[in-house]
């Protein structure tokens, strides 16, 4: 049997406020513990001029202790 220990997920949100709200929503989930998170502003430039800005939010979620795993977690992905 294989146990999922942790994942690192990267998301794109449009504003810093959305990034903060997204992180707070993720912290409320009891299925995992957030051990690390970061938000970074990204600018897309064309010929040296900023044409678009967004925020990259990275979250590390821990589901099990590596030494004593207790949850059998199945991850599924779906497109909305």
PDB file of N, CA and C in Angstrom:
ATOM      1  N   UNK A   1       0.834  -1.172   0.000  1.00  0.00           N
ATOM      2  CA  UNK A   1       0.000   0.000   0.000  1.00  0.00           C
ATOM      3  C   UNK A   1       0.884   1.243   0.000  1.00  0.00           C
ATOM      4  N   UNK A   2       0.490   2.236  -0.748  1.00  0.00           N
ATOM      5  CA  UNK A   2       1.216   3.502  -0.801  1.00  0.00           C
ATOM      6  C   UNK A   2       0.403   4.578  -0.084  1.00  0.00           C
ATOM      7  N   UNK A   3       1.075   5.353   0.736  1.00  0.00           N
ATOM      8  CA  UNK A   3       0.433   6.441   1.467  1.00  0.00           C
ATOM      9  C   UNK A   3       0.907   7.779   0.916  1.00  0.00           C
ATOM     10  N   UNK A   4      -0.024   8.663   0.672  1.00  0.00           N
ATOM     11  CA  UNK A   4       0.331  10.022   0.275  1.00  0.00           C
ATOM     12  C   UNK A   4       0.807  10.755   1.520  1.00  0.00           C
ATOM     13  N   UNK A   5       2.012  11.297   1.473  1.00  0.00           N
ATOM     14  CA  UNK A   5       2.578  12.004   2.616  1.00  0.00           C
ATOM     15  C   UNK A   5       2.339  13.505   2.480  1.00  0.00           C
ATOM     16  N   UNK A   6       2.774  14.089   1.364  1.00  0.00           N
ATOM     17  CA  UNK A   6       2.567  15.527   1.183  1.00  0.00           C
ATOM     18  C   UNK A   6       2.550  15.883  -0.294  1.00  0.00           C
ATOM     19  N   UNK A   7       1.983  17.043  -0.576  1.00  0.00           N
ATOM     20  CA  UNK A   7       1.975  17.583  -1.928  1.00  0.00           C
ATOM     21  C   UNK A   7       2.359  19.051  -1.873  1.00  0.00           C
ATOM     22  N   UNK A   8       2.889  19.536  -2.969  1.00  0.00           N
ATOM     23  CA  UNK A   8       3.119  20.969  -3.138  1.00  0.00           C
ATOM     24  C   UNK A   8       2.342  21.378  -4.379  1.00  0.00           C
ATOM     25  N   UNK A   9       1.440  22.333  -4.190  1.00  0.00           N
ATOM     26  CA  UNK A   9       0.562  22.761  -5.273  1.00  0.00           C
ATOM     27  C   UNK A   9       0.830  24.229  -5.586  1.00  0.00           C
ATOM     28  N   UNK A  10       0.764  24.566  -6.860  1.00  0.00           N
ATOM     29  CA  UNK A  10       0.992  25.935  -7.310  1.00  0.00           C
ATOM     30  C   UNK A  10      -0.277  26.413  -8.001  1.00  0.00           C
ATOM     31  N   UNK A  11      -0.775  27.569  -7.567  1.00  0.00           N
ATOM     32  CA  UNK A  11      -1.998  28.143  -8.107  1.00  0.00           C
ATOM     33  C   UNK A  11      -1.738  29.549  -8.634  1.00  0.00           C
ATOM     34  N   UNK A  12      -2.587  29.968  -9.535  1.00  0.00           N
ATOM     35  CA  UNK A  12      -2.555  31.347 -10.036  1.00  0.00           C
ATOM     36  C   UNK A  12      -3.833  32.031  -9.583  1.00  0.00           C
ATOM     37  N   UNK A  13      -3.679  33.192  -8.972  1.00  0.00           N
ATOM     38  CA  UNK A  13      -4.810  34.048  -8.625  1.00  0.00           C
ATOM     39  C   UNK A  13      -4.507  35.445  -9.151  1.00  0.00           C
ATOM     40  N   UNK A  14      -5.534  36.242  -9.299  1.00  0.00           N
ATOM     41  CA  UNK A  14      -5.359  37.531  -9.963  1.00  0.00           C
ATOM     42  C   UNK A  14      -4.895  38.659  -9.048  1.00  0.00           C
ATOM     43  N   UNK A  15      -5.237  38.602  -7.750  1.00  0.00           N
ATOM     44  CA  UNK A  15      -4.870  39.689  -6.845  1.00  0.00           C
ATOM     45  C   UNK A  15      -4.235  39.139  -5.573  1.00  0.00           C
ATOM     46  N   UNK A  16      -3.540  40.009  -4.861  1.00  0.00           N
ATOM     47  CA  UNK A  16      -2.925  39.620  -3.595  1.00  0.00           C
ATOM     48  C   UNK A  16      -4.005  39.282  -2.560  1.00  0.00           C
ATOM     49  N   UNK A  17      -5.102  40.006  -2.583  1.00  0.00           N
ATOM     50  CA  UNK A  17      -6.211  39.738  -1.664  1.00  0.00           C
ATOM     51  C   UNK A  17      -6.804  38.348  -1.917  1.00  0.00           C
ATOM     52  N   UNK A  18      -6.963  37.980  -3.181  1.00  0.00           N
ATOM     53  CA  UNK A  18      -7.449  36.632  -3.507  1.00  0.00           C
ATOM     54  C   UNK A  18      -6.470  35.572  -3.015  1.00  0.00           C
ATOM     55  N   UNK A  19      -5.197  35.841  -3.119  1.00  0.00           N
ATOM     56  CA  UNK A  19      -4.181  34.893  -2.650  1.00  0.00           C
ATOM     57  C   UNK A  19      -4.300  34.691  -1.142  1.00  0.00           C
ATOM     58  N   UNK A  20      -4.440  35.775  -0.388  1.00  0.00           N
ATOM     59  CA  UNK A  20      -4.585  35.675   1.063  1.00  0.00           C
ATOM     60  C   UNK A  20      -5.839  34.896   1.431  1.00  0.00           C
ATOM     61  N   UNK A  21      -6.941  35.191   0.776  1.00  0.00           N
ATOM     62  CA  UNK A  21      -8.204  34.489   1.046  1.00  0.00           C
ATOM     63  C   UNK A  21      -8.094  33.004   0.704  1.00  0.00           C
ATOM     64  N   UNK A  22      -7.448  32.696  -0.405  1.00  0.00           N
ATOM     65  CA  UNK A  22      -7.283  31.310  -0.832  1.00  0.00           C
ATOM     66  C   UNK A  22      -6.483  30.522   0.205  1.00  0.00           C
ATOM     67  N   UNK A  23      -5.403  31.099   0.697  1.00  0.00           N
ATOM     68  CA  UNK A  23      -4.576  30.431   1.705  1.00  0.00           C
ATOM     69  C   UNK A  23      -5.392  30.198   2.978  1.00  0.00           C
ATOM     70  N   UNK A  24      -6.147  31.181   3.404  1.00  0.00           N
ATOM     71  CA  UNK A  24      -6.969  31.034   4.612  1.00  0.00           C
ATOM     72  C   UNK A  24      -8.020  29.934   4.428  1.00  0.00           C
ATOM     73  N   UNK A  25      -8.616  29.841   3.248  1.00  0.00           N
ATOM     74  CA  UNK A  25      -9.580  28.769   2.965  1.00  0.00           C
ATOM     75  C   UNK A  25      -8.912  27.404   3.066  1.00  0.00           C
ATOM     76  N   UNK A  26      -7.696  27.286   2.534  1.00  0.00           N
ATOM     77  CA  UNK A  26      -6.974  26.021   2.567  1.00  0.00           C
ATOM     78  C   UNK A  26      -6.628  25.615   3.999  1.00  0.00           C
ATOM     79  N   UNK A  27      -6.340  26.577   4.849  1.00  0.00           N
ATOM     80  CA  UNK A  27      -6.003  26.288   6.245  1.00  0.00           C
ATOM     81  C   UNK A  27      -7.189  25.702   7.011  1.00  0.00           C
ATOM     82  N   UNK A  28      -8.398  25.944   6.552  1.00  0.00           N
ATOM     83  CA  UNK A  28      -9.597  25.472   7.250  1.00  0.00           C
ATOM     84  C   UNK A  28      -9.889  23.992   7.006  1.00  0.00           C
ATOM     85  N   UNK A  29      -9.253  23.383   6.026  1.00  0.00           N
ATOM     86  CA  UNK A  29      -9.517  21.989   5.687  1.00  0.00           C
ATOM     87  C   UNK A  29      -8.812  21.062   6.683  1.00  0.00           C
ATOM     88  N   UNK A  30      -9.575  20.168   7.306  1.00  0.00           N
ATOM     89  CA  UNK A  30      -9.023  19.259   8.308  1.00  0.00           C
ATOM     90  C   UNK A  30      -8.366  18.012   7.712  1.00  0.00           C
ATOM     91  N   UNK A  31      -8.413  17.837   6.406  1.00  0.00           N
ATOM     92  CA  UNK A  31      -7.849  16.643   5.769  1.00  0.00           C
ATOM     93  C   UNK A  31      -6.327  16.700   5.688  1.00  0.00           C
ATOM     94  N   UNK A  32      -5.746  17.876   5.881  1.00  0.00           N
ATOM     95  CA  UNK A  32      -4.298  18.055   5.783  1.00  0.00           C
ATOM     96  C   UNK A  32      -3.866  19.232   6.636  1.00  0.00           C
ATOM     97  N   UNK A  33      -2.552  19.336   6.807  1.00  0.00           N
ATOM     98  CA  UNK A  33      -1.957  20.464   7.521  1.00  0.00           C
ATOM     99  C   UNK A  33      -1.120  21.266   6.521  1.00  0.00           C
ATOM    100  N   UNK A  34      -1.289  22.563   6.519  1.00  0.00           N
ATOM    101  CA  UNK A  34      -0.465  23.429   5.678  1.00  0.00           C
ATOM    102  C   UNK A  34       0.836  23.672   6.433  1.00  0.00           C
ATOM    103  N   UNK A  35       1.951  23.269   5.842  1.00  0.00           N
ATOM    104  CA  UNK A  35       3.243  23.447   6.508  1.00  0.00           C
ATOM    105  C   UNK A  35       4.056  24.585   5.912  1.00  0.00           C
ATOM    106  N   UNK A  36       3.679  24.998   4.707  1.00  0.00           N
ATOM    107  CA  UNK A  36       4.439  26.051   4.042  1.00  0.00           C
ATOM    108  C   UNK A  36       3.559  26.674   2.970  1.00  0.00           C
ATOM    109  N   UNK A  37       3.647  28.001   2.839  1.00  0.00           N
ATOM    110  CA  UNK A  37       2.937  28.667   1.751  1.00  0.00           C
ATOM    111  C   UNK A  37       3.671  29.956   1.388  1.00  0.00           C
ATOM    112  N   UNK A  38       3.492  30.374   0.158  1.00  0.00           N
ATOM    113  CA  UNK A  38       4.140  31.592  -0.318  1.00  0.00           C
ATOM    114  C   UNK A  38       3.325  32.168  -1.470  1.00  0.00           C
ATOM    115  N   UNK A  39       3.375  33.477  -1.583  1.00  0.00           N
ATOM    116  CA  UNK A  39       2.719  34.169  -2.683  1.00  0.00           C
ATOM    117  C   UNK A  39       3.737  35.094  -3.327  1.00  0.00           C
ATOM    118  N   UNK A  40       3.788  35.066  -4.640  1.00  0.00           N
ATOM    119  CA  UNK A  40       4.754  35.878  -5.372  1.00  0.00           C
ATOM    120  C   UNK A  40       4.055  36.565  -6.547  1.00  0.00           C
ATOM    121  N   UNK A  41       4.285  37.861  -6.678  1.00  0.00           N
ATOM    122  CA  UNK A  41       3.726  38.603  -7.810  1.00  0.00           C
ATOM    123  C   UNK A  41       4.539  38.283  -9.052  1.00  0.00           C
ATOM    124  N   UNK A  42       3.834  38.039 -10.138  1.00  0.00           N
ATOM    125  CA  UNK A  42       4.472  37.760 -11.423  1.00  0.00           C
ATOM    126  C   UNK A  42       3.992  38.794 -12.433  1.00  0.00           C
ATOM    127  N   UNK A  43       4.904  39.322 -13.193  1.00  0.00           N
ATOM    128  CA  UNK A  43       4.573  40.283 -14.245  1.00  0.00           C
ATOM    129  C   UNK A  43       4.934  39.687 -15.596  1.00  0.00           C
ATOM    130  N   UNK A  44       4.029  39.800 -16.523  1.00  0.00           N
ATOM    131  CA  UNK A  44       4.317  39.396 -17.898  1.00  0.00           C
ATOM    132  C   UNK A  44       4.634  40.661 -18.680  1.00  0.00           C
ATOM    133  N   UNK A  45       5.786  40.646 -19.324  1.00  0.00           N
ATOM    134  CA  UNK A  45       6.248  41.837 -20.038  1.00  0.00           C
ATOM    135  C   UNK A  45       6.332  41.579 -21.535  1.00  0.00           C
ATOM    136  N   UNK A  46       6.047  42.611 -22.275  1.00  0.00           N
ATOM    137  CA  UNK A  46       6.230  42.604 -23.720  1.00  0.00           C
ATOM    138  C   UNK A  46       7.039  43.847 -24.055  1.00  0.00           C
ATOM    139  N   UNK A  47       8.210  43.637 -24.633  1.00  0.00           N
ATOM    140  CA  UNK A  47       9.125  44.721 -24.983  1.00  0.00           C
ATOM    141  C   UNK A  47       9.418  45.626 -23.790  1.00  0.00           C
ATOM    142  N   UNK A  48       9.602  44.997 -22.612  1.00  0.00           N
ATOM    143  CA  UNK A  48       9.961  45.729 -21.412  1.00  0.00           C
ATOM    144  C   UNK A  48       8.806  46.389 -20.686  1.00  0.00           C
ATOM    145  N   UNK A  49       7.608  46.290 -21.226  1.00  0.00           N
ATOM    146  CA  UNK A  49       6.441  46.913 -20.608  1.00  0.00           C
ATOM    147  C   UNK A  49       5.542  45.839 -19.988  1.00  0.00           C
ATOM    148  N   UNK A  50       5.102  46.082 -18.772  1.00  0.00           N
ATOM    149  CA  UNK A  50       4.222  45.128 -18.082  1.00  0.00           C
ATOM    150  C   UNK A  50       2.842  45.173 -18.731  1.00  0.00           C
ATOM    151  N   UNK A  51       2.407  44.007 -19.230  1.00  0.00           N
ATOM    152  CA  UNK A  51       1.089  43.920 -19.868  1.00  0.00           C
ATOM    153  C   UNK A  51       0.094  43.140 -19.018  1.00  0.00           C
ATOM    154  N   UNK A  52       0.608  42.406 -18.018  1.00  0.00           N
ATOM    155  CA  UNK A  52      -0.274  41.615 -17.162  1.00  0.00           C
ATOM    156  C   UNK A  52       0.451  41.284 -15.861  1.00  0.00           C
ATOM    157  N   UNK A  53      -0.292  41.317 -14.758  1.00  0.00           N
ATOM    158  CA  UNK A  53       0.242  40.920 -13.458  1.00  0.00           C
ATOM    159  C   UNK A  53      -0.710  39.911 -12.831  1.00  0.00           C
ATOM    160  N   UNK A  54      -0.128  38.965 -12.111  1.00  0.00           N
ATOM    161  CA  UNK A  54      -0.920  37.974 -11.380  1.00  0.00           C
ATOM    162  C   UNK A  54      -0.072  37.490 -10.211  1.00  0.00           C
ATOM    163  N   UNK A  55      -0.650  36.636  -9.364  1.00  0.00           N
ATOM    164  CA  UNK A  55       0.060  36.131  -8.195  1.00  0.00           C
ATOM    165  C   UNK A  55       0.129  34.619  -8.243  1.00  0.00           C
ATOM    166  N   UNK A  56       1.319  34.108  -8.005  1.00  0.00           N
ATOM    167  CA  UNK A  56       1.559  32.664  -7.930  1.00  0.00           C
ATOM    168  C   UNK A  56       1.557  32.282  -6.453  1.00  0.00           C
ATOM    169  N   UNK A  57       0.655  31.382  -6.083  1.00  0.00           N
ATOM    170  CA  UNK A  57       0.542  30.939  -4.698  1.00  0.00           C
ATOM    171  C   UNK A  57       0.938  29.471  -4.615  1.00  0.00           C
ATOM    172  N   UNK A  58       1.917  29.185  -3.771  1.00  0.00           N
ATOM    173  CA  UNK A  58       2.423  27.825  -3.588  1.00  0.00           C
ATOM    174  C   UNK A  58       2.076  27.366  -2.175  1.00  0.00           C
ATOM    175  N   UNK A  59       1.465  26.164  -2.086  1.00  0.00           N
ATOM    176  CA  UNK A  59       1.029  25.626  -0.798  1.00  0.00           C
ATOM    177  C   UNK A  59       1.541  24.191  -0.656  1.00  0.00           C
ATOM    178  N   UNK A  60       2.146  23.882   0.496  1.00  0.00           N
ATOM    179  CA  UNK A  60       2.559  22.515   0.803  1.00  0.00           C
ATOM    180  C   UNK A  60       1.583  21.947   1.829  1.00  0.00           C
ATOM    181  N   UNK A  61       0.964  20.809   1.461  1.00  0.00           N
ATOM    182  CA  UNK A  61      -0.025  20.155   2.313  1.00  0.00           C
ATOM    183  C   UNK A  61       0.536  18.821   2.786  1.00  0.00           C
ATOM    184  N   UNK A  62       0.458  18.556   4.093  1.00  0.00           N
ATOM    185  CA  UNK A  62       0.914  17.290   4.661  1.00  0.00           C
ATOM    186  C   UNK A  62      -0.314  16.488   5.083  1.00  0.00           C
ATOM    187  N   UNK A  63      -0.402  15.252   4.581  1.00  0.00           N
ATOM    188  CA  UNK A  63      -1.534  14.374   4.850  1.00  0.00           C
ATOM    189  C   UNK A  63      -1.223  13.306   5.893  1.00  0.00           C
ATOM    190  N   UNK A  64       0.034  12.874   5.972  1.00  0.00           N
ATOM    191  CA  UNK A  64       0.445  11.782   6.844  1.00  0.00           C
ATOM    192  C   UNK A  64       1.839  12.024   7.389  1.00  0.00           C
ATOM    193  N   UNK A  65       2.128  11.398   8.507  1.00  0.00           N
ATOM    194  CA  UNK A  65       3.478  11.353   9.055  1.00  0.00           C
ATOM    195  C   UNK A  65       4.229  10.259   8.292  1.00  0.00           C
ATOM    196  N   UNK A  66       5.404  10.553   7.792  1.00  0.00           N
ATOM    197  CA  UNK A  66       6.162   9.586   6.994  1.00  0.00           C
ATOM    198  C   UNK A  66       6.498   8.327   7.797  1.00  0.00           C
ATOM    199  N   UNK A  67       6.725   8.463   9.092  1.00  0.00           N
ATOM    200  CA  UNK A  67       7.097   7.318   9.922  1.00  0.00           C
ATOM    201  C   UNK A  67       5.901   6.468  10.323  1.00  0.00           C
ATOM    202  N   UNK A  68       4.757   7.098  10.510  1.00  0.00           N
ATOM    203  CA  UNK A  68       3.559   6.378  10.923  1.00  0.00           C
ATOM    204  C   UNK A  68       2.328   6.891  10.167  1.00  0.00           C
ATOM    205  N   UNK A  69       2.207   6.552   8.894  1.00  0.00           N
ATOM    206  CA  UNK A  69       1.045   7.023   8.140  1.00  0.00           C
ATOM    207  C   UNK A  69      -0.235   6.369   8.656  1.00  0.00           C
ATOM    208  N   UNK A  70      -1.305   7.129   8.678  1.00  0.00           N
ATOM    209  CA  UNK A  70      -2.562   6.608   9.206  1.00  0.00           C
ATOM    210  C   UNK A  70      -3.742   6.850   8.267  1.00  0.00           C
ATOM    211  N   UNK A  71      -3.608   7.771   7.336  1.00  0.00           N
ATOM    212  CA  UNK A  71      -4.693   8.056   6.390  1.00  0.00           C
ATOM    213  C   UNK A  71      -4.362   7.499   5.020  1.00  0.00           C
ATOM    214  N   UNK A  72      -5.318   6.837   4.418  1.00  0.00           N
ATOM    215  CA  UNK A  72      -5.160   6.393   3.043  1.00  0.00           C
ATOM    216  C   UNK A  72      -5.889   7.411   2.171  1.00  0.00           C
ATOM    217  N   UNK A  73      -5.165   8.381   1.668  1.00  0.00           N
ATOM    218  CA  UNK A  73      -5.715   9.502   0.920  1.00  0.00           C
ATOM    219  C   UNK A  73      -5.654   9.188  -0.578  1.00  0.00           C
ATOM    220  N   UNK A  74      -6.747   9.456  -1.267  1.00  0.00           N
ATOM    221  CA  UNK A  74      -6.787   9.347  -2.719  1.00  0.00           C
ATOM    222  C   UNK A  74      -7.036  10.734  -3.288  1.00  0.00           C
ATOM    223  N   UNK A  75      -6.161  11.163  -4.164  1.00  0.00           N
ATOM    224  CA  UNK A  75      -6.292  12.481  -4.772  1.00  0.00           C
ATOM    225  C   UNK A  75      -6.926  12.317  -6.141  1.00  0.00           C
ATOM    226  N   UNK A  76      -7.915  13.156  -6.421  1.00  0.00           N
ATOM    227  CA  UNK A  76      -8.529  13.171  -7.746  1.00  0.00           C
ATOM    228  C   UNK A  76      -8.505  14.590  -8.286  1.00  0.00           C
ATOM    229  N   UNK A  77      -8.389  14.702  -9.569  1.00  0.00           N
ATOM    230  CA  UNK A  77      -8.375  16.007 -10.225  1.00  0.00           C
ATOM    231  C   UNK A  77      -9.544  16.052 -11.214  1.00  0.00           C
ATOM    232  N   UNK A  78     -10.227  17.183 -11.220  1.00  0.00           N
ATOM    233  CA  UNK A  78     -11.321  17.341 -12.176  1.00  0.00           C
ATOM    234  C   UNK A  78     -11.270  18.745 -12.756  1.00  0.00           C
ATOM    235  N   UNK A  79     -11.655  18.857 -13.962  1.00  0.00           N
ATOM    236  CA  UNK A  79     -11.671  20.131 -14.654  1.00  0.00           C
ATOM    237  C   UNK A  79     -13.041  20.761 -14.484  1.00  0.00           C
ATOM    238  N   UNK A  80     -13.058  22.026 -14.139  1.00  0.00           N
ATOM    239  CA  UNK A  80     -14.348  22.727 -13.949  1.00  0.00           C
ATOM    240  C   UNK A  80     -14.716  23.525 -15.169  1.00  0.00           C
TER     241      UNK A  80
END
